[in-house]
Amino acid sequence: MKKDVLSETNRHFWPNAPEAPEAESPASEECLQCTRHVEGCVSPDEDTLPEEFDPLRKASAFSPGKEEMSMQHGSLAWWEQVAEIARLQEIQDRFAKIMRVGAIITTNDGKPVTSPSNFTSFCLKVRTFSEGRARCWESDADGGRRSLEAGHSFAYRCRNGLLDMASPIIVEGRMVGILLCGQVLLQKYSRAEVEEIADKEWPFAQGKDREALIENFLSVSVVNEQAIRDAMDLLHLVASHIVGLCERHLTERRLLQRGITLIHEQRNKEALERNLKLAQVRALRSQLNPHFMFNTLNSIARLAFFEEAPRTQDLTLQFAEYLRYVLRKQSQGELVPLGMELDCIRRYLEIYQVRFGERLRSHVEALHGSEELLVPFMFLQPIVENAIIHGIEPLPQGGEVRISCWVDKKHLVVEVTDNGVGCTPSSIEEGVGLENVQERLKLHYGEIARLRVESAPGKGTSVRIALPAREGVLVS
């Protein structure tokens, strides 16, 4: 048989990672279900999961509903309730097409959650045999366990001889499934070598079936190590995105269950009403478009590839400061000084500046006495994002976004304008971002807060928000 270079591939891609376990080590039920602590794995009571696998990890504000508690965590029934399988299938199909590999999402024990994407004829043929299908499921489960123990996306040889890669899907501190891809070879095999593999690994196929499997194996694509590293990198990002989708869906389900109970049974109790408002705000905040984060990461990767690398460093620092503000303030409370919110928006605009270059111009101004006033956390970001994506981006020459803040008697006025393409009144009413902002303002200020949008095709858009000045804050 030919030299196995998978260990070098894993070490090269993750140079600081610990040595992975041997391929022959059996997968234990305890590890797969994450019910006990084993070396390199994590129990659900510990908060020590590698952050690269769970970038969206946060404490849940809700208790599971009865329906959720009745389902085994990570089972097929759990996946059907927690995730939009059709959406996951779409993401998986696109990933497999772009990377030219086979891909699938499975439970912890290797049972498919999604349908196979871009599977090789060899793998499809193997799975037509009950014994071959069972070996595939066991191999997929073992790959997921080993990637969790190693602490990173992991490349390994499957039990039928092909190269696969696995990345665990970890939701709320527990492994619920595996994202797998691969079904490729690192080097070409001769027919004699494949026949040797068949004798050892494919006892379930005899006669014509054996010959068909050998021919299918010989037709499997051969790739280089760089292609494997690229696939492992993107595999990790896609797994992280799936984690975000699952956690958001869980939050929304729990919010609905808890909200109905509170509204009908304890509507008039002030403390519980406040908890419900905070829960609604968190759920609305969780709907912020995740494409911004992924677009930024893609920009960083492109810059790092093409230049060395001061702009990349600046973009990374800006994004780090942006995330630091978002994560820290999110845990501290709902109201922040306007000055902090504007600093965050400036970083947000600088990050987009890398993507749009001279096509995006911006100006942020706060008149004296306004920056100390308290405003809802992250209430400006959806409005500014709408101005850039829907106003400026469609114009070949780009445009300008202006943010102005001032105090008018007892009100703080914040205005976001752009000279972009504009839109019709019906388009404004359909916008999810503005609807979320309006709902948050209503939760904090009732009917006192006002939001007005003016726009017309070809004339840009203006969004003006008037908030009452918070008591205890000096306004000069």
Protein backbone atom coordinates (compact mmCIF):
# COMPACT_ATOMS: atom_id res chain seq x y z
CA MET A 1 0.00 0.00 0.00
CA LYS A 2 1.10 3.60 -0.52
CA LYS A 3 2.41 5.96 2.15
CA ASP A 4 -0.31 7.54 4.30
CA VAL A 5 0.17 11.32 4.50
CA LEU A 6 -2.94 12.16 6.50
CA SER A 7 -1.05 12.78 9.76
CA GLU A 8 1.24 15.29 8.00
CA THR A 9 -1.82 16.95 6.43
CA ASN A 10 -3.52 17.40 9.80
CA ARG A 11 -0.33 18.63 11.48
CA HIS A 12 0.41 21.05 8.62
CA PHE A 13 -3.08 22.51 8.69
CA TRP A 14 -3.31 22.74 12.51
CA PRO A 15 0.38 22.99 13.61
CA ASN A 16 -0.42 23.65 17.29
CA ALA A 17 -3.04 20.92 17.61
CA PRO A 18 -2.45 17.78 19.74
CA GLU A 19 -1.79 14.46 18.07
CA ALA A 20 -4.99 12.79 16.87
CA PRO A 21 -5.86 9.29 18.10
CA GLU A 22 -5.09 6.25 15.98
CA ALA A 23 -7.60 5.39 13.25
CA GLU A 24 -8.25 1.95 14.74
CA SER A 25 -9.37 3.30 18.14
CA PRO A 26 -13.00 2.27 18.65
CA ALA A 27 -15.69 4.90 18.99
CA SER A 28 -17.21 4.73 22.46
CA GLU A 29 -20.87 5.44 23.00
CA GLU A 30 -19.97 7.71 25.90
CA CYS A 31 -17.82 9.93 23.68
CA LEU A 32 -20.30 10.04 20.81
CA GLN A 33 -23.14 11.10 23.05
CA CYS A 34 -20.91 13.44 25.10
CA THR A 35 -22.31 12.08 28.38
CA ARG A 36 -18.96 11.52 30.11
CA HIS A 37 -15.58 13.21 30.14
CA VAL A 38 -12.92 11.44 28.08
CA GLU A 39 -9.47 12.64 27.11
CA GLY A 40 -9.78 15.29 24.40
CA CYS A 41 -13.60 15.45 24.73
CA VAL A 42 -15.92 17.54 26.85
CA SER A 43 -18.86 16.79 29.06
CA PRO A 44 -21.97 18.97 28.67
CA ASP A 45 -21.46 20.44 32.15
CA GLU A 46 -18.07 21.91 31.21
CA ASP A 47 -17.58 25.20 29.42
CA THR A 48 -14.33 24.23 27.74
CA LEU A 49 -15.33 23.46 24.16
CA PRO A 50 -12.85 24.84 21.61
CA GLU A 51 -14.15 28.27 20.64
CA GLU A 52 -13.39 27.67 16.98
CA PHE A 53 -16.18 25.06 16.94
CA ASP A 54 -18.66 27.19 18.82
CA PRO A 55 -18.12 30.86 17.96
CA LEU A 56 -21.73 31.67 18.67
CA ARG A 57 -21.76 30.03 22.14
CA LYS A 58 -23.79 31.93 24.72
CA ALA A 59 -25.83 31.21 27.81
CA SER A 60 -29.42 30.38 27.01
CA ALA A 61 -32.09 32.56 28.57
CA PHE A 62 -34.76 29.89 28.35
CA SER A 63 -35.56 26.45 29.67
CA PRO A 64 -36.32 23.69 27.14
CA GLY A 65 -39.95 23.07 26.36
CA LYS A 66 -41.63 19.74 27.08
CA GLU A 67 -41.44 18.70 23.43
CA GLU A 68 -37.71 19.46 23.30
CA MET A 69 -37.03 17.61 26.57
CA SER A 70 -38.76 14.51 25.22
CA MET A 71 -36.33 14.28 22.27
CA GLN A 72 -32.87 12.80 22.52
CA HIS A 73 -30.30 15.54 21.95
CA GLY A 74 -28.89 15.14 18.43
CA SER A 75 -31.37 12.46 17.31
CA LEU A 76 -33.05 12.61 13.91
CA ALA A 77 -36.25 13.83 15.63
CA TRP A 78 -34.23 16.57 17.33
CA TRP A 79 -32.77 17.70 14.00
CA GLU A 80 -36.20 17.81 12.39
CA GLN A 81 -37.50 20.05 15.17
CA VAL A 82 -34.46 22.29 15.64
CA ALA A 83 -33.20 22.83 12.08
CA GLU A 84 -34.65 23.58 8.66
CA ILE A 85 -33.41 20.46 6.88
CA ALA A 86 -34.10 21.96 3.45
CA ARG A 87 -31.92 24.97 4.32
CA LEU A 88 -29.12 22.71 5.57
CA GLN A 89 -29.39 20.66 2.37
CA GLU A 90 -29.00 23.81 0.28
CA ILE A 91 -25.88 24.87 2.22
CA GLN A 92 -24.40 21.38 1.97
CA ASP A 93 -25.14 21.10 -1.78
CA ARG A 94 -23.43 24.43 -2.49
CA PHE A 95 -20.41 23.51 -0.37
CA ALA A 96 -20.02 20.15 -2.13
CA LYS A 97 -20.35 21.76 -5.55
CA ILE A 98 -17.79 24.50 -4.82
CA MET A 99 -15.20 22.16 -3.26
CA ARG A 100 -15.92 19.25 -5.65
CA VAL A 101 -16.22 16.74 -2.82
CA GLY A 102 -18.94 14.53 -1.41
CA ALA A 103 -20.70 15.95 1.67
CA ILE A 104 -23.32 14.94 4.23
CA ILE A 105 -24.58 15.87 7.71
CA THR A 106 -25.12 12.98 10.13
CA THR A 107 -26.11 12.32 13.70
CA ASN A 108 -23.43 11.39 16.24
CA ASP A 109 -23.83 7.71 15.33
CA GLY A 110 -23.43 8.37 11.60
CA LYS A 111 -27.09 8.20 10.50
CA PRO A 112 -27.78 10.71 7.69
CA VAL A 113 -29.64 13.92 8.55
CA THR A 114 -29.41 15.26 4.99
CA SER A 115 -29.29 13.54 1.62
CA PRO A 116 -25.84 12.86 0.11
CA SER A 117 -24.37 15.71 -1.96
CA ASN A 118 -22.02 14.95 -4.87
CA PHE A 119 -21.28 11.42 -3.57
CA THR A 120 -18.91 9.30 -5.68
CA SER A 121 -20.32 6.32 -7.55
CA PHE A 122 -18.12 4.15 -5.30
CA CYS A 123 -19.69 5.42 -2.06
CA LEU A 124 -23.20 5.20 -3.45
CA LYS A 125 -22.54 1.62 -4.51
CA VAL A 126 -21.07 0.66 -1.10
CA ARG A 127 -24.18 1.99 0.65
CA THR A 128 -26.44 -0.30 -1.37
CA PHE A 129 -25.10 -3.19 0.76
CA SER A 130 -26.41 -3.38 4.32
CA GLU A 131 -22.95 -4.26 5.66
CA GLY A 132 -21.31 -1.53 3.56
CA ARG A 133 -23.83 1.05 4.72
CA ALA A 134 -23.23 0.08 8.37
CA ARG A 135 -19.46 0.43 7.85
CA CYS A 136 -19.98 3.91 6.37
CA TRP A 137 -22.11 5.01 9.33
CA GLU A 138 -19.55 3.64 11.79
CA SER A 139 -16.72 5.37 9.92
CA ASP A 140 -18.58 8.70 9.85
CA ALA A 141 -19.30 8.47 13.59
CA ASP A 142 -15.67 7.60 14.30
CA GLY A 143 -14.49 10.57 12.20
CA GLY A 144 -16.74 12.95 14.13
CA ARG A 145 -15.50 11.62 17.47
CA ARG A 146 -11.87 11.92 16.42
CA SER A 147 -12.30 15.50 15.18
CA LEU A 148 -13.90 16.44 18.51
CA GLU A 149 -11.04 14.84 20.44
CA ALA A 150 -8.42 16.51 18.21
CA GLY A 151 -10.10 19.92 18.63
CA HIS A 152 -10.23 20.83 14.94
CA SER A 153 -11.47 19.68 11.55
CA PHE A 154 -9.89 16.30 10.95
CA ALA A 155 -8.83 14.36 7.83
CA TYR A 156 -8.75 10.57 7.99
CA ARG A 157 -9.02 7.44 5.86
CA CYS A 158 -12.49 5.91 5.93
CA ARG A 159 -13.03 2.18 6.43
CA ASN A 160 -13.48 1.64 2.72
CA GLY A 161 -10.20 3.32 1.71
CA LEU A 162 -11.10 6.92 0.74
CA LEU A 163 -10.01 10.18 2.37
CA ASP A 164 -12.73 11.94 4.39
CA MET A 165 -12.85 15.06 6.59
CA ALA A 166 -15.09 15.67 9.62
CA SER A 167 -16.08 18.63 11.76
CA PRO A 168 -18.36 18.24 14.82
CA ILE A 169 -21.54 20.31 15.13
CA ILE A 170 -21.77 21.54 18.73
CA VAL A 171 -24.93 23.30 19.90
CA GLU A 172 -25.19 24.74 23.41
CA GLY A 173 -22.12 22.84 24.57
CA ARG A 174 -23.14 19.42 23.25
CA MET A 175 -22.19 17.56 20.11
CA VAL A 176 -25.37 16.98 18.08
CA GLY A 177 -24.01 15.85 14.73
CA ILE A 178 -21.17 15.79 12.23
CA LEU A 179 -20.51 17.64 8.97
CA LEU A 180 -18.47 15.38 6.68
CA CYS A 181 -16.90 15.80 3.27
CA GLY A 182 -14.28 14.17 1.08
CA GLN A 183 -14.51 10.85 -0.82
CA VAL A 184 -11.24 11.63 -2.61
CA LEU A 185 -7.71 10.19 -2.83
CA LEU A 186 -4.34 11.82 -2.24
CA GLN A 187 -2.61 9.61 -4.80
CA LYS A 188 -3.43 7.19 -7.59
CA TYR A 189 -3.74 3.45 -6.83
CA SER A 190 -2.95 0.62 -9.21
CA ARG A 191 -5.56 -2.03 -9.88
CA ALA A 192 -3.52 -4.57 -7.91
CA GLU A 193 -3.50 -2.28 -4.87
CA VAL A 194 -7.25 -1.74 -5.11
CA GLU A 195 -7.82 -5.48 -5.35
CA GLU A 196 -5.80 -5.84 -2.15
CA ILE A 197 -8.07 -3.29 -0.48
CA ALA A 198 -11.13 -5.14 -1.77
CA ASP A 199 -9.92 -8.45 -0.33
CA LYS A 200 -9.37 -6.87 3.07
CA GLU A 201 -12.13 -4.26 3.38
CA TRP A 202 -15.04 -5.25 1.09
CA PRO A 203 -16.04 -8.84 2.00
CA PHE A 204 -19.68 -7.89 1.47
CA ALA A 205 -19.13 -7.52 -2.31
CA GLN A 206 -18.41 -10.59 -4.44
CA GLY A 207 -18.27 -11.39 -8.15
CA LYS A 208 -19.63 -8.65 -10.41
CA ASP A 209 -20.33 -6.39 -7.42
CA ARG A 210 -16.67 -6.60 -6.38
CA GLU A 211 -15.51 -5.77 -9.91
CA ALA A 212 -17.91 -2.82 -10.08
CA LEU A 213 -16.59 -1.45 -6.77
CA ILE A 214 -12.99 -1.78 -8.00
CA GLU A 215 -13.80 0.16 -11.18
CA ASN A 216 -15.64 2.82 -9.18
CA PHE A 217 -12.72 3.14 -6.75
CA LEU A 218 -10.25 3.60 -9.62
CA SER A 219 -12.41 6.49 -10.93
CA VAL A 220 -12.28 8.45 -7.63
CA SER A 221 -10.71 11.91 -7.97
CA VAL A 222 -7.11 12.43 -6.85
CA VAL A 223 -6.41 15.79 -5.15
CA ASN A 224 -3.36 17.46 -3.60
CA GLU A 225 -2.83 18.37 0.04
CA GLN A 226 -3.63 22.06 -0.55
CA ALA A 227 -7.10 21.11 -1.75
CA ILE A 228 -7.57 19.12 1.45
CA ARG A 229 -6.50 22.08 3.59
CA ASP A 230 -8.87 24.40 1.70
CA ALA A 231 -11.74 21.94 2.19
CA MET A 232 -10.98 21.61 5.93
CA ASP A 233 -10.93 25.40 6.31
CA LEU A 234 -14.30 25.87 4.62
CA LEU A 235 -15.71 22.80 6.39
CA HIS A 236 -15.06 24.51 9.73
CA LEU A 237 -16.79 27.74 8.61
CA VAL A 238 -19.83 25.89 7.29
CA ALA A 239 -20.11 23.87 10.54
CA SER A 240 -19.99 27.13 12.53
CA HIS A 241 -22.74 28.60 10.33
CA ILE A 242 -24.91 25.52 10.93
CA VAL A 243 -24.37 25.94 14.69
CA GLY A 244 -25.66 29.52 14.42
CA LEU A 245 -28.77 28.46 12.50
CA CYS A 246 -29.61 25.75 15.06
CA GLU A 247 -29.08 28.00 18.09
CA ARG A 248 -31.19 30.76 16.59
CA HIS A 249 -34.02 28.34 15.87
CA LEU A 250 -33.82 26.96 19.43
CA THR A 251 -33.99 30.48 20.85
CA GLU A 252 -37.03 31.33 18.75
CA ARG A 253 -38.86 28.13 19.73
CA ARG A 254 -38.19 28.67 23.42
CA LEU A 255 -39.22 32.30 23.17
CA LEU A 256 -42.56 31.30 21.63
CA GLN A 257 -43.24 28.67 24.31
CA ARG A 258 -42.27 30.93 27.18
CA GLY A 259 -43.96 34.01 25.72
CA ILE A 260 -47.35 32.30 25.41
CA THR A 261 -47.17 31.15 29.03
CA LEU A 262 -46.18 34.55 30.39
CA ILE A 263 -48.70 36.51 28.32
CA HIS A 264 -51.68 34.35 29.31
CA GLU A 265 -50.83 33.55 32.93
CA GLN A 266 -48.76 36.42 34.34
CA ARG A 267 -49.43 39.41 32.10
CA ASN A 268 -49.89 41.91 34.93
CA LYS A 269 -46.77 41.04 36.94
CA GLU A 270 -44.16 43.72 36.34
CA ALA A 271 -41.06 41.61 36.92
CA LEU A 272 -42.13 38.84 34.55
CA GLU A 273 -43.21 41.37 31.96
CA ARG A 274 -39.73 42.86 32.07
CA ASN A 275 -38.19 39.39 31.58
CA LEU A 276 -40.41 38.81 28.57
CA LYS A 277 -39.33 42.14 27.04
CA LEU A 278 -35.66 41.30 27.49
CA ALA A 279 -36.25 37.86 25.99
CA GLN A 280 -37.95 39.42 22.97
CA VAL A 281 -35.10 41.87 22.51
CA ARG A 282 -32.52 39.08 22.60
CA ALA A 283 -34.48 37.05 20.08
CA LEU A 284 -34.78 40.05 17.74
CA ARG A 285 -31.06 40.73 18.13
CA SER A 286 -30.29 37.10 17.22
CA GLN A 287 -31.92 37.72 13.82
CA LEU A 288 -29.15 40.13 12.76
CA ASN A 289 -27.91 39.07 9.34
CA PRO A 290 -24.99 36.59 9.78
CA HIS A 291 -23.74 37.36 6.27
CA PHE A 292 -21.81 40.37 7.61
CA MET A 293 -19.56 38.14 9.71
CA PHE A 294 -18.95 35.71 6.85
CA ASN A 295 -18.32 38.46 4.30
CA THR A 296 -15.76 40.00 6.65
CA LEU A 297 -13.98 36.68 7.14
CA ASN A 298 -13.89 36.20 3.39
CA SER A 299 -12.41 39.68 2.95
CA ILE A 300 -9.70 38.89 5.48
CA ALA A 301 -8.87 35.65 3.69
CA ARG A 302 -8.65 37.31 0.27
CA LEU A 303 -6.43 40.13 1.53
CA ALA A 304 -4.16 37.69 3.33
CA PHE A 305 -3.75 35.74 0.11
CA PHE A 306 -2.99 38.65 -2.19
CA GLU A 307 -0.87 40.99 -0.06
CA GLU A 308 1.57 41.15 2.84
CA ALA A 309 -0.40 42.49 4.76
CA PRO A 310 -0.91 45.88 6.56
CA ARG A 311 -4.47 46.29 5.31
CA THR A 312 -5.29 42.78 6.46
CA GLN A 313 -3.91 43.58 9.90
CA ASP A 314 -5.99 46.77 10.11
CA LEU A 315 -9.17 44.98 9.02
CA THR A 316 -8.57 42.22 11.55
CA LEU A 317 -8.08 44.74 14.38
CA GLN A 318 -11.23 46.64 13.44
CA PHE A 319 -13.27 43.45 13.32
CA ALA A 320 -11.82 42.29 16.66
CA GLU A 321 -12.80 45.59 18.30
CA TYR A 322 -16.26 45.34 16.77
CA LEU A 323 -16.77 41.81 18.12
CA ARG A 324 -15.33 42.76 21.52
CA TYR A 325 -17.91 45.55 21.85
CA VAL A 326 -20.79 43.37 20.66
CA LEU A 327 -20.01 40.41 22.92
CA ARG A 328 -19.10 42.42 26.02
CA LYS A 329 -22.02 44.83 25.94
CA GLN A 330 -24.46 42.09 25.00
CA SER A 331 -23.77 40.44 28.36
CA GLN A 332 -23.94 43.68 30.37
CA GLY A 333 -27.29 45.20 29.51
CA GLU A 334 -29.62 46.63 26.90
CA LEU A 335 -28.76 50.35 27.15
CA VAL A 336 -25.41 51.91 26.27
CA PRO A 337 -24.15 55.49 25.78
CA LEU A 338 -24.71 56.79 22.26
CA GLY A 339 -20.97 57.53 21.99
CA MET A 340 -20.12 53.83 22.36
CA GLU A 341 -22.75 52.89 19.79
CA LEU A 342 -21.30 55.41 17.31
CA ASP A 343 -17.75 54.10 17.87
CA CYS A 344 -19.05 50.63 17.01
CA ILE A 345 -20.73 51.98 13.85
CA ARG A 346 -17.49 53.70 12.81
CA ARG A 347 -15.66 50.37 13.01
CA TYR A 348 -18.53 48.70 11.14
CA LEU A 349 -18.21 51.28 8.33
CA GLU A 350 -14.40 50.91 8.22
CA ILE A 351 -14.80 47.16 7.78
CA TYR A 352 -17.21 47.69 4.89
CA GLN A 353 -14.77 50.29 3.49
CA VAL A 354 -12.30 47.46 2.79
CA ARG A 355 -14.93 45.67 0.72
CA PHE A 356 -16.28 48.71 -1.19
CA GLY A 357 -13.16 50.92 -1.37
CA GLU A 358 -13.84 54.38 -2.77
CA ARG A 359 -17.41 53.39 -3.62
CA LEU A 360 -18.40 53.85 0.05
CA ARG A 361 -18.07 57.20 1.81
CA SER A 362 -19.34 57.91 5.32
CA HIS A 363 -19.69 60.71 7.86
CA VAL A 364 -20.64 60.31 11.54
CA GLU A 365 -21.46 63.40 13.61
CA ALA A 366 -22.83 63.79 17.15
CA LEU A 367 -23.53 67.30 18.46
CA HIS A 368 -22.60 68.30 21.99
CA GLY A 369 -24.73 66.73 24.70
CA SER A 370 -25.92 63.72 22.70
CA GLU A 371 -23.13 61.16 23.12
CA GLU A 372 -23.79 60.65 26.87
CA LEU A 373 -27.43 59.72 26.39
CA LEU A 374 -28.43 56.06 26.69
CA VAL A 375 -29.75 54.19 23.65
CA PRO A 376 -30.67 50.54 22.94
CA PHE A 377 -27.62 48.38 22.25
CA MET A 378 -26.94 47.81 18.50
CA PHE A 379 -30.09 49.65 17.38
CA LEU A 380 -28.25 51.53 14.61
CA GLN A 381 -26.48 48.60 12.95
CA PRO A 382 -29.50 47.21 10.99
CA ILE A 383 -30.30 50.70 9.66
CA VAL A 384 -26.73 51.37 8.54
CA GLU A 385 -26.52 47.89 6.99
CA ASN A 386 -29.72 48.55 5.01
CA ALA A 387 -28.27 51.84 3.76
CA ILE A 388 -25.10 50.13 2.52
CA ILE A 389 -26.53 46.91 1.09
CA HIS A 390 -29.82 48.18 -0.35
CA GLY A 391 -28.88 51.80 -1.01
CA ILE A 392 -25.20 52.13 -1.93
CA GLU A 393 -24.13 48.69 -3.22
CA PRO A 394 -26.42 48.61 -6.32
CA LEU A 395 -24.85 51.88 -7.61
CA PRO A 396 -21.72 51.38 -9.77
CA GLN A 397 -20.32 54.70 -8.52
CA GLY A 398 -21.23 53.96 -4.89
CA GLY A 399 -22.45 56.66 -2.52
CA GLU A 400 -22.37 58.17 0.97
CA VAL A 401 -23.91 57.21 4.32
CA ARG A 402 -24.33 60.05 6.85
CA ILE A 403 -25.22 59.59 10.53
CA SER A 404 -26.20 62.71 12.49
CA CYS A 405 -27.21 62.95 16.18
CA TRP A 406 -28.50 65.93 18.14
CA VAL A 407 -30.73 66.87 21.08
CA ASP A 408 -34.04 68.59 20.36
CA LYS A 409 -35.60 69.77 23.62
CA LYS A 410 -36.14 66.54 25.60
CA HIS A 411 -35.55 64.17 22.72
CA LEU A 412 -32.48 62.57 21.17
CA VAL A 413 -32.71 62.58 17.37
CA VAL A 414 -30.65 60.16 15.29
CA GLU A 415 -30.78 60.37 11.49
CA VAL A 416 -29.24 57.93 8.97
CA THR A 417 -29.29 59.08 5.35
CA ASP A 418 -27.84 57.74 2.12
CA ASN A 419 -27.80 58.97 -1.48
CA GLY A 420 -28.34 55.47 -2.86
CA VAL A 421 -30.96 53.99 -5.14
CA GLY A 422 -33.91 54.60 -2.79
CA CYS A 423 -37.03 52.44 -2.69
CA THR A 424 -40.81 52.44 -2.74
CA PRO A 425 -43.03 52.65 0.40
CA SER A 426 -44.05 48.98 -0.04
CA SER A 427 -40.40 47.91 0.02
CA ILE A 428 -39.88 49.82 3.28
CA GLU A 429 -42.82 48.01 4.91
CA GLU A 430 -41.34 44.62 3.97
CA GLY A 431 -37.93 45.27 5.57
CA VAL A 432 -37.11 42.89 8.46
CA GLY A 433 -34.32 45.11 9.81
CA LEU A 434 -36.48 48.19 10.31
CA GLU A 435 -39.29 46.08 11.75
CA ASN A 436 -36.90 44.70 14.37
CA VAL A 437 -35.68 48.19 15.26
CA GLN A 438 -39.25 49.45 15.63
CA GLU A 439 -40.15 46.52 17.87
CA ARG A 440 -37.14 47.11 20.13
CA LEU A 441 -37.89 50.82 20.41
CA LYS A 442 -41.47 49.99 21.34
CA LEU A 443 -40.31 47.57 24.05
CA HIS A 444 -38.04 50.21 25.61
CA TYR A 445 -40.06 53.40 25.16
CA GLY A 446 -43.63 52.37 24.35
CA GLU A 447 -45.38 54.73 21.95
CA ILE A 448 -43.13 57.69 22.85
CA ALA A 449 -40.33 56.73 20.46
CA ARG A 450 -40.82 57.65 16.81
CA LEU A 451 -39.24 56.21 13.64
CA ARG A 452 -39.83 57.86 10.28
CA VAL A 453 -38.56 56.67 6.88
CA GLU A 454 -38.50 58.81 3.74
CA SER A 455 -37.39 57.31 0.43
CA ALA A 456 -38.07 57.37 -3.27
CA PRO A 457 -36.46 55.53 -6.21
CA GLY A 458 -33.34 57.39 -7.32
CA LYS A 459 -33.41 59.84 -4.40
CA GLY A 460 -31.87 57.88 -1.53
CA THR A 461 -33.31 57.08 1.89
CA SER A 462 -33.54 58.89 5.23
CA VAL A 463 -34.36 57.17 8.53
CA ARG A 464 -34.99 59.47 11.52
CA ILE A 465 -35.44 58.19 15.07
CA ALA A 466 -36.56 60.37 17.99
CA LEU A 467 -36.08 58.94 21.51
CA PRO A 468 -36.87 60.43 24.91
CA ALA A 469 -33.76 61.44 26.86
CA ARG A 470 -33.29 58.94 29.67
CA GLU A 471 -33.83 60.30 33.20
CA GLY A 472 -30.63 60.78 35.16
CA VAL A 473 -28.63 61.70 32.05
CA LEU A 474 -27.62 65.39 31.79
CA VAL A 475 -28.60 67.12 28.60
CA SER A 476 -27.07 70.53 27.95
